[in-house]
Amino acid sequence: MKKGLLFLLGVLVGCILTFGGLFIYSKMQSTPEQSGIRMAKQKTKFTVANKFEVFQSFEDGALATSEIKDYVSTFTGPVVFLVAEENEQFYDGQIVTIPKGKSAMQIGTYSYESKAGVHTVPIIAFE
């Protein structure tokens, strides 16, 4: 009886330690580099477009296509990652315009994977 209880207690402690160790290991391994975000050492002004159309939104930003102005205005320009400001949420199909008095600044790059492969796009913040 005593040996069986001791054995079960050992198995239980072993499981707890294993899951705890795996949890700590996974937290240590997640870095911004692995999430696809690379911050630039120096910000640069993004002058390609003034409007963007969101096609995929996330909690902290959105992927959007830039506006191209030829004879008509179309959102077929470069893809960018727009950083959401505090309490700002994006939704698919939303047209985002650079706010008055602010500029679009490239602050880094974001890499993501799609069916067509891995893509790296500029991260844009309005400052």
Foldseek 3Di string as FASTA:
>chain_A
DVVVVVVVVVVVVVVVVVVVVVVVVVVVPDDCVVQFWDFDPDKDFDDQAFKWFFAAWDPFWTKTAGWDDDPHIDRPHFIETEGADPPDGDDHGDMDGQDPPWTWIFGTWGWDADPVGIDIHTYTYTD
